[in-house]
Amino acid sequence: MFRHQGKSRKLKHNLQIATILSFVAGIVNVTGFLAYNQLTTNVTGHFALFMNDVANLEFWKGTVYFLYIFSFLFGSFFSSFLIEKFRKNKRLNVFVLPTAIECLILIAIPLYSDAFEITYPDLIICALLFAMGLQNSFVTRISNAVVRTTHLTGLFTDLGIELSQLFFPEKHPNREKLKSNIKLRLYIICFFFLGGIIGGFLYLQLNLKLNALIVGALILLASLFYDDFRYQFIRTKRKYTQR
């Protein structure tokens, strides 16, 4: 799911990566909100608050929201930059790089919060937004803009459009593709919600606080190891089959 691109990429690959990443995004979204009362997976709300402060001539107050927006943007830029930089390296799966960095951030934040008192929570929010920018960028690249996992506004819009098209089969004859798209949207939405529920349970009921982010990181790492193990296993199997 982290390797197949272009024509070799199938619905099952998108479903697998969408399930994992949307679940992790749900955990990050709820954990960040419960910890700091701020959105940490998208910037729509931050942009509205930034414009509100600018309209009220409170430019300095609005700076923090600009930093939130920039952090997500820079995460997206940095992820795509790494992919472009190392794309020609055939030995390296370039999509592992941004995923590994995201894991590092999700692990480093709770470890830091356990060891030290957080005096600048805005930096933690920026780091989480940067991580989500990384994730949204590389999953967009690997799925050819089919999968996005950190916010739901566009997903609900696409889902509404595609559900309406089911009622007009003469205008949209490719029913299988349409149903596949609807299935993918529903998977992302459901697992984002499920991740949010699990994140809230870990944060509030188990009192893990920011350590709930480590669960998201472990899920990402496990998926990376599984994907690599499966890839190596298939390569080895083909090698011996050819003999």
C-alpha atoms as a PDB file:
ATOM      1  CA  MET A   1       0.000   0.000   0.000  1.00  0.00           C
ATOM      2  CA  PHE A   2       3.008   2.309   0.471  1.00  0.00           C
ATOM      3  CA  ARG A   3       4.656   1.209  -2.780  1.00  0.00           C
ATOM      4  CA  HIS A   4       2.155   0.771  -5.599  1.00  0.00           C
ATOM      5  CA  GLN A   5       1.764   3.803  -7.837  1.00  0.00           C
ATOM      6  CA  GLY A   6       0.124   4.636 -11.144  1.00  0.00           C
ATOM      7  CA  LYS A   7      -1.618   1.802 -12.991  1.00  0.00           C
ATOM      8  CA  SER A   8      -0.393  -0.818 -10.524  1.00  0.00           C
ATOM      9  CA  ARG A   9      -2.304   0.868  -7.721  1.00  0.00           C
ATOM     10  CA  LYS A  10      -5.689  -0.717  -7.057  1.00  0.00           C
ATOM     11  CA  LEU A  11      -8.681   0.083  -4.885  1.00  0.00           C
ATOM     12  CA  LYS A  12      -7.505  -2.295  -2.150  1.00  0.00           C
ATOM     13  CA  HIS A  13      -4.234  -0.382  -1.805  1.00  0.00           C
ATOM     14  CA  ASN A  14      -6.105   2.904  -1.379  1.00  0.00           C
ATOM     15  CA  LEU A  15      -8.527   1.311   1.067  1.00  0.00           C
ATOM     16  CA  GLN A  16      -5.665  -0.060   3.167  1.00  0.00           C
ATOM     17  CA  ILE A  17      -3.723   3.186   3.383  1.00  0.00           C
ATOM     18  CA  ALA A  18      -6.897   5.260   3.818  1.00  0.00           C
ATOM     19  CA  THR A  19      -8.014   3.072   6.726  1.00  0.00           C
ATOM     20  CA  ILE A  20      -4.718   3.391   8.578  1.00  0.00           C
ATOM     21  CA  LEU A  21      -4.011   7.071   7.957  1.00  0.00           C
ATOM     22  CA  SER A  22      -7.546   8.307   8.593  1.00  0.00           C
ATOM     23  CA  PHE A  23      -7.613   6.331  11.860  1.00  0.00           C
ATOM     24  CA  VAL A  24      -4.332   7.940  12.938  1.00  0.00           C
ATOM     25  CA  ALA A  25      -5.593  11.376  11.887  1.00  0.00           C
ATOM     26  CA  GLY A  26      -8.689  10.838  14.028  1.00  0.00           C
ATOM     27  CA  ILE A  27      -6.498  10.091  17.050  1.00  0.00           C
ATOM     28  CA  VAL A  28      -4.373  13.182  16.424  1.00  0.00           C
ATOM     29  CA  ASN A  29      -7.421  15.381  15.870  1.00  0.00           C
ATOM     30  CA  VAL A  30      -9.117  14.492  19.160  1.00  0.00           C
ATOM     31  CA  THR A  31      -5.911  14.355  21.205  1.00  0.00           C
ATOM     32  CA  GLY A  32      -4.804  17.791  20.021  1.00  0.00           C
ATOM     33  CA  PHE A  33      -8.231  19.271  20.646  1.00  0.00           C
ATOM     34  CA  LEU A  34      -8.582  17.797  24.138  1.00  0.00           C
ATOM     35  CA  ALA A  35      -5.064  18.882  25.085  1.00  0.00           C
ATOM     36  CA  TYR A  36      -5.080  22.424  23.689  1.00  0.00           C
ATOM     37  CA  ASN A  37      -8.608  23.129  22.442  1.00  0.00           C
ATOM     38  CA  GLN A  38      -7.256  23.609  18.908  1.00  0.00           C
ATOM     39  CA  LEU A  39      -7.721  21.763  15.628  1.00  0.00           C
ATOM     40  CA  THR A  40      -4.582  19.824  14.715  1.00  0.00           C
ATOM     41  CA  THR A  41      -5.466  18.060  11.457  1.00  0.00           C
ATOM     42  CA  ASN A  42      -6.749  20.875   9.223  1.00  0.00           C
ATOM     43  CA  VAL A  43      -6.508  24.656   8.906  1.00  0.00           C
ATOM     44  CA  THR A  44      -9.998  25.756   7.819  1.00  0.00           C
ATOM     45  CA  GLY A  45     -10.988  26.933  11.285  1.00  0.00           C
ATOM     46  CA  HIS A  46      -7.618  28.561  11.897  1.00  0.00           C
ATOM     47  CA  PHE A  47      -7.927  30.552   8.693  1.00  0.00           C
ATOM     48  CA  ALA A  48     -11.334  31.875   9.792  1.00  0.00           C
ATOM     49  CA  LEU A  49      -9.959  32.910  13.192  1.00  0.00           C
ATOM     50  CA  PHE A  50      -6.924  34.504  11.552  1.00  0.00           C
ATOM     51  CA  MET A  51      -9.123  36.601   9.274  1.00  0.00           C
ATOM     52  CA  ASN A  52     -11.322  37.554  12.228  1.00  0.00           C
ATOM     53  CA  ASP A  53      -8.326  38.918  14.140  1.00  0.00           C
ATOM     54  CA  VAL A  54      -7.087  40.774  11.055  1.00  0.00           C
ATOM     55  CA  ALA A  55     -10.541  42.305  10.543  1.00  0.00           C
ATOM     56  CA  ASN A  56     -10.480  43.495  14.172  1.00  0.00           C
ATOM     57  CA  LEU A  57      -6.994  44.965  13.609  1.00  0.00           C
ATOM     58  CA  GLU A  58      -5.522  42.533  16.142  1.00  0.00           C
ATOM     59  CA  PHE A  59      -2.646  41.563  13.886  1.00  0.00           C
ATOM     60  CA  TRP A  60      -0.325  40.242  16.598  1.00  0.00           C
ATOM     61  CA  LYS A  61      -3.052  38.063  18.087  1.00  0.00           C
ATOM     62  CA  GLY A  62      -3.737  36.572  14.674  1.00  0.00           C
ATOM     63  CA  THR A  63      -0.084  35.671  14.136  1.00  0.00           C
ATOM     64  CA  VAL A  64      -0.458  32.364  15.975  1.00  0.00           C
ATOM     65  CA  TYR A  65      -3.158  31.214  13.548  1.00  0.00           C
ATOM     66  CA  PHE A  66      -0.924  32.166  10.656  1.00  0.00           C
ATOM     67  CA  LEU A  67       1.780  29.952  12.182  1.00  0.00           C
ATOM     68  CA  TYR A  68      -0.702  27.071  12.419  1.00  0.00           C
ATOM     69  CA  ILE A  69      -1.609  27.478   8.736  1.00  0.00           C
ATOM     70  CA  PHE A  70       2.037  27.794   7.721  1.00  0.00           C
ATOM     71  CA  SER A  71       2.977  24.669   9.708  1.00  0.00           C
ATOM     72  CA  PHE A  72       0.469  22.544   7.783  1.00  0.00           C
ATOM     73  CA  LEU A  73       1.602  24.111   4.504  1.00  0.00           C
ATOM     74  CA  PHE A  74       5.263  23.532   5.294  1.00  0.00           C
ATOM     75  CA  GLY A  75       4.546  19.911   6.226  1.00  0.00           C
ATOM     76  CA  SER A  76       2.874  19.399   2.864  1.00  0.00           C
ATOM     77  CA  PHE A  77       5.755  21.127   1.064  1.00  0.00           C
ATOM     78  CA  PHE A  78       8.430  19.182   2.923  1.00  0.00           C
ATOM     79  CA  SER A  79       6.746  15.833   2.275  1.00  0.00           C
ATOM     80  CA  SER A  80       6.459  16.497  -1.452  1.00  0.00           C
ATOM     81  CA  PHE A  81      10.028  17.857  -1.539  1.00  0.00           C
ATOM     82  CA  LEU A  82      11.373  14.602  -0.060  1.00  0.00           C
ATOM     83  CA  ILE A  83       9.385  12.546  -2.555  1.00  0.00           C
ATOM     84  CA  GLU A  84      10.734  14.555  -5.493  1.00  0.00           C
ATOM     85  CA  LYS A  85      14.277  14.562  -4.104  1.00  0.00           C
ATOM     86  CA  PHE A  86      14.590  10.809  -3.650  1.00  0.00           C
ATOM     87  CA  ARG A  87      12.209   9.548  -6.335  1.00  0.00           C
ATOM     88  CA  LYS A  88      15.050   8.327  -8.586  1.00  0.00           C
ATOM     89  CA  ASN A  89      16.516   6.189  -5.810  1.00  0.00           C
ATOM     90  CA  LYS A  90      15.167   2.753  -6.764  1.00  0.00           C
ATOM     91  CA  ARG A  91      16.316   1.159  -3.511  1.00  0.00           C
ATOM     92  CA  LEU A  92      14.321   3.586  -1.397  1.00  0.00           C
ATOM     93  CA  ASN A  93      10.565   3.737  -1.003  1.00  0.00           C
ATOM     94  CA  VAL A  94      10.232   7.523  -0.956  1.00  0.00           C
ATOM     95  CA  PHE A  95       6.847   7.446   0.764  1.00  0.00           C
ATOM     96  CA  VAL A  96       8.421   5.887   3.854  1.00  0.00           C
ATOM     97  CA  LEU A  97      10.404   9.077   4.557  1.00  0.00           C
ATOM     98  CA  PRO A  98       7.493  11.418   5.387  1.00  0.00           C
ATOM     99  CA  THR A  99       5.714   8.594   7.218  1.00  0.00           C
ATOM    100  CA  ALA A 100       8.790   7.965   9.385  1.00  0.00           C
ATOM    101  CA  ILE A 101       9.088  11.678  10.170  1.00  0.00           C
ATOM    102  CA  GLU A 102       5.410  11.769  11.142  1.00  0.00           C
ATOM    103  CA  CYS A 103       5.970   8.810  13.487  1.00  0.00           C
ATOM    104  CA  LEU A 104       8.968  10.560  15.029  1.00  0.00           C
ATOM    105  CA  ILE A 105       6.890  13.674  15.747  1.00  0.00           C
ATOM    106  CA  LEU A 106       4.008  11.687  17.234  1.00  0.00           C
ATOM    107  CA  ILE A 107       6.421   9.879  19.554  1.00  0.00           C
ATOM    108  CA  ALA A 108       8.616  12.874  20.434  1.00  0.00           C
ATOM    109  CA  ILE A 109       5.745  15.124  21.566  1.00  0.00           C
ATOM    110  CA  PRO A 110       4.408  12.855  24.358  1.00  0.00           C
ATOM    111  CA  LEU A 111       7.920  11.877  25.463  1.00  0.00           C
ATOM    112  CA  TYR A 112       8.820  15.549  25.765  1.00  0.00           C
ATOM    113  CA  SER A 113       5.578  16.316  27.628  1.00  0.00           C
ATOM    114  CA  ASP A 114       6.333  13.509  30.110  1.00  0.00           C
ATOM    115  CA  ALA A 115       9.855  14.779  30.775  1.00  0.00           C
ATOM    116  CA  PHE A 116       9.307  18.540  30.729  1.00  0.00           C
ATOM    117  CA  GLU A 117       6.579  21.047  31.388  1.00  0.00           C
ATOM    118  CA  ILE A 118       5.186  22.427  28.149  1.00  0.00           C
ATOM    119  CA  THR A 119       5.395  26.197  28.356  1.00  0.00           C
ATOM    120  CA  TYR A 120       4.703  26.886  24.673  1.00  0.00           C
ATOM    121  CA  PRO A 121       1.735  24.735  23.636  1.00  0.00           C
ATOM    122  CA  ASP A 122       1.490  26.599  20.327  1.00  0.00           C
ATOM    123  CA  LEU A 123       4.702  24.863  19.253  1.00  0.00           C
ATOM    124  CA  ILE A 124       3.120  21.469  19.941  1.00  0.00           C
ATOM    125  CA  ILE A 125       0.095  22.430  17.856  1.00  0.00           C
ATOM    126  CA  CYS A 126       2.386  23.572  15.049  1.00  0.00           C
ATOM    127  CA  ALA A 127       4.268  20.267  15.206  1.00  0.00           C
ATOM    128  CA  LEU A 128       1.029  18.251  14.957  1.00  0.00           C
ATOM    129  CA  LEU A 129      -0.187  20.359  12.037  1.00  0.00           C
ATOM    130  CA  PHE A 130       3.188  19.871  10.357  1.00  0.00           C
ATOM    131  CA  ALA A 131       2.833  16.093  10.806  1.00  0.00           C
ATOM    132  CA  MET A 132      -0.672  16.135   9.328  1.00  0.00           C
ATOM    133  CA  GLY A 133       0.576  18.226   6.413  1.00  0.00           C
ATOM    134  CA  LEU A 134       3.207  15.564   5.803  1.00  0.00           C
ATOM    135  CA  GLN A 135       0.588  12.826   5.881  1.00  0.00           C
ATOM    136  CA  ASN A 136      -1.969  14.541   3.679  1.00  0.00           C
ATOM    137  CA  SER A 137       0.681  15.397   1.096  1.00  0.00           C
ATOM    138  CA  PHE A 138       2.225  11.953   0.683  1.00  0.00           C
ATOM    139  CA  VAL A 139      -1.098  10.110   0.647  1.00  0.00           C
ATOM    140  CA  THR A 140      -2.326  12.538  -2.002  1.00  0.00           C
ATOM    141  CA  ARG A 141       0.791  11.859  -4.058  1.00  0.00           C
ATOM    142  CA  ILE A 142       0.779   8.083  -3.707  1.00  0.00           C
ATOM    143  CA  SER A 143      -2.952   7.750  -4.473  1.00  0.00           C
ATOM    144  CA  ASN A 144      -2.915  10.282  -7.319  1.00  0.00           C
ATOM    145  CA  ALA A 145      -5.161  12.662  -5.338  1.00  0.00           C
ATOM    146  CA  VAL A 146      -7.782   9.976  -4.701  1.00  0.00           C
ATOM    147  CA  VAL A 147      -7.204   9.717  -0.934  1.00  0.00           C
ATOM    148  CA  ARG A 148      -7.084  12.514   1.633  1.00  0.00           C
ATOM    149  CA  THR A 149      -7.223  11.637   5.299  1.00  0.00           C
ATOM    150  CA  THR A 150      -6.829  14.640   7.599  1.00  0.00           C
ATOM    151  CA  HIS A 151     -10.117  16.507   7.046  1.00  0.00           C
ATOM    152  CA  LEU A 152     -13.641  15.583   6.054  1.00  0.00           C
ATOM    153  CA  THR A 153     -15.181  18.623   4.352  1.00  0.00           C
ATOM    154  CA  GLY A 154     -14.087  17.654   0.843  1.00  0.00           C
ATOM    155  CA  LEU A 155     -14.884  13.999   1.521  1.00  0.00           C
ATOM    156  CA  PHE A 156     -18.494  14.718   2.471  1.00  0.00           C
ATOM    157  CA  THR A 157     -18.809  16.941  -0.593  1.00  0.00           C
ATOM    158  CA  ASP A 158     -17.479  14.212  -2.904  1.00  0.00           C
ATOM    159  CA  LEU A 159     -19.625  11.584  -1.175  1.00  0.00           C
ATOM    160  CA  GLY A 160     -22.765  13.675  -1.636  1.00  0.00           C
ATOM    161  CA  ILE A 161     -22.002  14.195  -5.326  1.00  0.00           C
ATOM    162  CA  GLU A 162     -21.286  10.516  -5.958  1.00  0.00           C
ATOM    163  CA  LEU A 163     -24.376   9.338  -4.062  1.00  0.00           C
ATOM    164  CA  SER A 164     -26.527  11.628  -6.193  1.00  0.00           C
ATOM    165  CA  GLN A 165     -24.961  10.207  -9.356  1.00  0.00           C
ATOM    166  CA  LEU A 166     -26.214   6.739  -8.419  1.00  0.00           C
ATOM    167  CA  PHE A 167     -29.719   7.954  -9.282  1.00  0.00           C
ATOM    168  CA  PHE A 168     -28.698   8.793 -12.854  1.00  0.00           C
ATOM    169  CA  PRO A 169     -27.210   5.580 -14.316  1.00  0.00           C
ATOM    170  CA  GLU A 170     -27.713   6.779 -17.907  1.00  0.00           C
ATOM    171  CA  LYS A 171     -25.399   9.742 -17.315  1.00  0.00           C
ATOM    172  CA  HIS A 172     -22.915   7.796 -15.159  1.00  0.00           C
ATOM    173  CA  PRO A 173     -22.705   4.292 -16.648  1.00  0.00           C
ATOM    174  CA  ASN A 174     -19.448   3.330 -14.900  1.00  0.00           C
ATOM    175  CA  ARG A 175     -21.238   2.063 -11.795  1.00  0.00           C
ATOM    176  CA  GLU A 176     -18.341  -0.010 -10.467  1.00  0.00           C
ATOM    177  CA  LYS A 177     -15.978   2.947 -10.326  1.00  0.00           C
ATOM    178  CA  LEU A 178     -18.657   5.113  -8.739  1.00  0.00           C
ATOM    179  CA  LYS A 179     -19.373   2.500  -6.074  1.00  0.00           C
ATOM    180  CA  SER A 180     -15.639   2.073  -5.452  1.00  0.00           C
ATOM    181  CA  ASN A 181     -15.271   5.810  -4.847  1.00  0.00           C
ATOM    182  CA  ILE A 182     -18.225   5.815  -2.461  1.00  0.00           C
ATOM    183  CA  LYS A 183     -16.763   2.851  -0.594  1.00  0.00           C
ATOM    184  CA  LEU A 184     -13.423   4.632  -0.254  1.00  0.00           C
ATOM    185  CA  ARG A 185     -15.051   7.839   1.092  1.00  0.00           C
ATOM    186  CA  LEU A 186     -17.069   5.854   3.620  1.00  0.00           C
ATOM    187  CA  TYR A 187     -13.967   3.982   4.800  1.00  0.00           C
ATOM    188  CA  ILE A 188     -12.069   7.226   5.378  1.00  0.00           C
ATOM    189  CA  ILE A 189     -14.963   8.913   7.190  1.00  0.00           C
ATOM    190  CA  CYS A 190     -15.742   5.891   9.387  1.00  0.00           C
ATOM    191  CA  PHE A 191     -12.139   5.258  10.390  1.00  0.00           C
ATOM    192  CA  PHE A 192     -11.542   8.966  11.057  1.00  0.00           C
ATOM    193  CA  PHE A 193     -14.483   8.881  13.463  1.00  0.00           C
ATOM    194  CA  LEU A 194     -13.300   5.577  14.950  1.00  0.00           C
ATOM    195  CA  GLY A 195      -9.818   7.020  15.466  1.00  0.00           C
ATOM    196  CA  GLY A 196     -11.374  10.011  17.186  1.00  0.00           C
ATOM    197  CA  ILE A 197     -13.398   7.791  19.513  1.00  0.00           C
ATOM    198  CA  ILE A 198     -10.358   5.664  20.367  1.00  0.00           C
ATOM    199  CA  GLY A 199      -8.245   8.795  20.828  1.00  0.00           C
ATOM    200  CA  GLY A 200     -10.820  10.278  23.204  1.00  0.00           C
ATOM    201  CA  PHE A 201     -11.002   7.014  25.161  1.00  0.00           C
ATOM    202  CA  LEU A 202      -7.219   6.829  25.481  1.00  0.00           C
ATOM    203  CA  TYR A 203      -6.947  10.480  26.480  1.00  0.00           C
ATOM    204  CA  LEU A 204      -9.849  10.695  28.939  1.00  0.00           C
ATOM    205  CA  GLN A 205     -10.680   7.222  30.204  1.00  0.00           C
ATOM    206  CA  LEU A 206      -7.170   5.733  30.311  1.00  0.00           C
ATOM    207  CA  ASN A 207      -5.689   9.143  31.185  1.00  0.00           C
ATOM    208  CA  LEU A 208      -2.896   8.760  28.641  1.00  0.00           C
ATOM    209  CA  LYS A 209      -3.114  12.449  27.692  1.00  0.00           C
ATOM    210  CA  LEU A 210      -0.645  13.195  24.880  1.00  0.00           C
ATOM    211  CA  ASN A 211       0.675   9.631  25.105  1.00  0.00           C
ATOM    212  CA  ALA A 212      -2.346   8.685  23.005  1.00  0.00           C
ATOM    213  CA  LEU A 213      -0.307   9.981  20.068  1.00  0.00           C
ATOM    214  CA  ILE A 214       2.147   7.119  20.559  1.00  0.00           C
ATOM    215  CA  VAL A 215      -0.640   4.664  19.707  1.00  0.00           C
ATOM    216  CA  GLY A 216      -1.067   6.433  16.368  1.00  0.00           C
ATOM    217  CA  ALA A 217       2.675   6.289  15.746  1.00  0.00           C
ATOM    218  CA  LEU A 218       2.818   2.569  16.573  1.00  0.00           C
ATOM    219  CA  ILE A 219       0.000   1.878  14.115  1.00  0.00           C
ATOM    220  CA  LEU A 220       1.915   3.720  11.397  1.00  0.00           C
ATOM    221  CA  LEU A 221       5.152   1.900  12.191  1.00  0.00           C
ATOM    222  CA  ALA A 222       3.400  -1.479  12.229  1.00  0.00           C
ATOM    223  CA  SER A 223       1.853  -0.762   8.829  1.00  0.00           C
ATOM    224  CA  LEU A 224       5.252   0.227   7.422  1.00  0.00           C
ATOM    225  CA  PHE A 225       6.912  -2.951   8.698  1.00  0.00           C
ATOM    226  CA  TYR A 226       4.034  -5.098   7.457  1.00  0.00           C
ATOM    227  CA  ASP A 227       4.137  -3.464   4.025  1.00  0.00           C
ATOM    228  CA  ASP A 228       7.898  -3.951   3.761  1.00  0.00           C
ATOM    229  CA  PHE A 229       7.734  -7.545   5.029  1.00  0.00           C
ATOM    230  CA  ARG A 230       4.986  -8.389   2.559  1.00  0.00           C
ATOM    231  CA  TYR A 231       6.934  -6.773  -0.293  1.00  0.00           C
ATOM    232  CA  GLN A 232      10.122  -8.704   0.540  1.00  0.00           C
ATOM    233  CA  PHE A 233       8.156 -11.932   0.921  1.00  0.00           C
ATOM    234  CA  ILE A 234       6.520 -11.528  -2.516  1.00  0.00           C
ATOM    235  CA  ARG A 235       9.884 -10.692  -4.124  1.00  0.00           C
ATOM    236  CA  THR A 236      11.523 -13.760  -2.585  1.00  0.00           C
ATOM    237  CA  LYS A 237       8.609 -15.983  -3.603  1.00  0.00           C
ATOM    238  CA  ARG A 238       8.769 -14.757  -7.203  1.00  0.00           C
ATOM    239  CA  LYS A 239      12.521 -15.236  -7.253  1.00  0.00           C
ATOM    240  CA  TYR A 240      12.292 -18.898  -6.260  1.00  0.00           C
ATOM    241  CA  THR A 241       9.279 -19.468  -8.530  1.00  0.00           C
ATOM    242  CA  GLN A 242      11.251 -18.287 -11.550  1.00  0.00           C
ATOM    243  CA  ARG A 243      13.999 -20.764 -10.745  1.00  0.00           C
END
